[in-house]
Amino acid sequence: MGGYIHQTELGAWKEEFRTDHVAIAGKKLYAAMGKKLDKKTGIEEYGCVKLASKGVRLTHEQIFAVANGATIETRNDAPTFKLDGNHVFISRSIRRTGQTKSPA
């Protein structure tokens, strides 16, 4: 992928992090592992540098598992209230979406 890279120029790509492992399980469901700088200590550590799991709360380990074909069952901690006063706890099955493509 190409493009103009600049940290402050409008319209340019900005380098946010560097990674060595990425798991993409679907739209807005991904995790990236790499080295990150601890702003308080100034020490570079290995860990999750980017995580997105819209609609559910997943760890990077769970996202990597989903990207590798696992199905994760989740349940909201808070209830959803209905107009009639009843409430339910929503459960979801999270699985990989889209087609898989092997790295070249």
Protein backbone atom coordinates (compact mmCIF):
# COMPACT_ATOMS: atom_id res chain seq x y z
CA MET A 1 0.00 0.00 0.00
CA GLY A 2 1.35 3.38 -0.90
CA GLY A 3 0.56 6.89 0.10
CA TYR A 4 2.02 10.10 1.43
CA ILE A 5 3.00 9.73 5.09
CA HIS A 6 3.23 12.80 7.32
CA GLN A 7 2.42 13.23 11.02
CA THR A 8 0.56 16.56 10.80
CA GLU A 9 -0.36 17.32 7.17
CA LEU A 10 -4.07 17.17 6.36
CA GLY A 11 -4.98 14.22 4.10
CA ALA A 12 -1.71 12.37 4.66
CA TRP A 13 -1.37 8.97 6.29
CA LYS A 14 -0.11 9.07 9.87
CA GLU A 15 1.90 6.29 11.47
CA GLU A 16 0.05 5.46 14.69
CA PHE A 17 1.90 2.28 15.66
CA ARG A 18 4.05 -0.55 14.37
CA THR A 19 2.90 -4.11 14.63
CA ASP A 20 4.10 -7.64 14.01
CA HIS A 21 0.84 -9.57 14.50
CA VAL A 22 -2.63 -8.51 13.35
CA ALA A 23 -5.93 -10.38 13.64
CA ILE A 24 -8.84 -9.13 11.54
CA ALA A 25 -12.03 -11.05 12.32
CA GLY A 26 -14.52 -8.74 10.60
CA LYS A 27 -15.61 -5.14 10.20
CA LYS A 28 -14.62 -3.20 13.31
CA LEU A 29 -13.32 -6.39 14.94
CA TYR A 30 -9.52 -6.46 14.97
CA ALA A 31 -6.46 -6.48 17.21
CA ALA A 32 -2.81 -5.61 16.58
CA MET A 33 0.15 -6.64 18.71
CA GLY A 34 3.49 -4.87 18.79
CA LYS A 35 5.82 -2.67 20.76
CA LYS A 36 4.39 0.39 22.43
CA LEU A 37 5.98 3.15 24.45
CA ASP A 38 4.74 3.60 28.01
CA LYS A 39 4.33 7.38 28.23
CA LYS A 40 4.86 7.46 32.00
CA THR A 41 8.02 5.34 32.23
CA GLY A 42 9.43 5.81 28.73
CA ILE A 43 9.94 2.04 28.49
CA GLU A 44 8.99 0.19 25.33
CA GLU A 45 6.81 -2.86 26.04
CA TYR A 46 5.21 -5.56 23.90
CA GLY A 47 1.43 -5.68 23.99
CA CYS A 48 -1.82 -4.87 22.25
CA VAL A 49 -1.33 -1.58 20.38
CA LYS A 50 -4.76 -1.39 18.71
CA LEU A 51 -8.06 -3.07 19.50
CA ALA A 52 -11.55 -2.65 18.08
CA SER A 53 -14.54 -4.78 18.97
CA LYS A 54 -17.58 -2.65 18.22
CA GLY A 55 -20.72 -3.85 19.93
CA VAL A 56 -19.00 -6.30 22.30
CA ARG A 57 -16.17 -6.26 24.82
CA LEU A 58 -13.49 -8.71 23.76
CA THR A 59 -9.83 -9.10 24.68
CA HIS A 60 -7.12 -9.28 22.05
CA GLU A 61 -6.80 -13.02 22.81
CA GLN A 62 -10.49 -13.52 22.02
CA ILE A 63 -10.22 -11.54 18.76
CA PHE A 64 -7.23 -13.65 17.66
CA ALA A 65 -9.26 -16.79 18.46
CA VAL A 66 -12.24 -15.53 16.40
CA ALA A 67 -9.93 -14.62 13.50
CA ASN A 68 -8.63 -18.22 13.61
CA GLY A 69 -12.15 -19.65 13.34
CA ALA A 70 -13.42 -19.86 16.94
CA THR A 71 -16.86 -18.72 18.04
CA ILE A 72 -17.04 -16.67 21.24
CA GLU A 73 -20.24 -16.45 23.29
CA THR A 74 -20.75 -13.14 25.11
CA ARG A 75 -23.46 -11.78 27.37
CA ASN A 76 -24.01 -8.15 28.34
CA ASP A 77 -23.54 -7.46 32.04
CA ALA A 78 -26.32 -4.87 32.04
CA PRO A 79 -29.93 -5.70 31.16
CA THR A 80 -31.87 -4.26 28.25
CA PHE A 81 -35.21 -2.88 29.43
CA LYS A 82 -38.37 -3.28 27.37
CA LEU A 83 -41.28 -0.84 27.16
CA ASP A 84 -43.49 -3.18 29.20
CA GLY A 85 -41.05 -3.05 32.14
CA ASN A 86 -39.45 -6.45 31.58
CA HIS A 87 -35.73 -6.82 31.05
CA VAL A 88 -33.46 -9.27 29.22
CA PHE A 89 -29.74 -9.93 29.09
CA ILE A 90 -28.55 -9.98 25.49
CA SER A 91 -26.29 -12.88 24.44
CA ARG A 92 -24.30 -12.88 21.21
CA SER A 93 -22.21 -15.38 19.28
CA ILE A 94 -19.16 -13.69 17.75
CA ARG A 95 -17.64 -15.41 14.73
CA ARG A 96 -15.34 -14.49 11.87
CA THR A 97 -16.99 -12.78 8.90
CA GLY A 98 -15.92 -12.49 5.29
CA GLN A 99 -13.56 -14.66 3.32
CA THR A 100 -10.22 -15.89 4.60
CA LYS A 101 -7.09 -15.22 2.62
CA SER A 102 -3.75 -16.86 3.25
CA PRO A 103 -0.69 -14.61 3.40
CA ALA A 104 1.41 -14.69 0.23
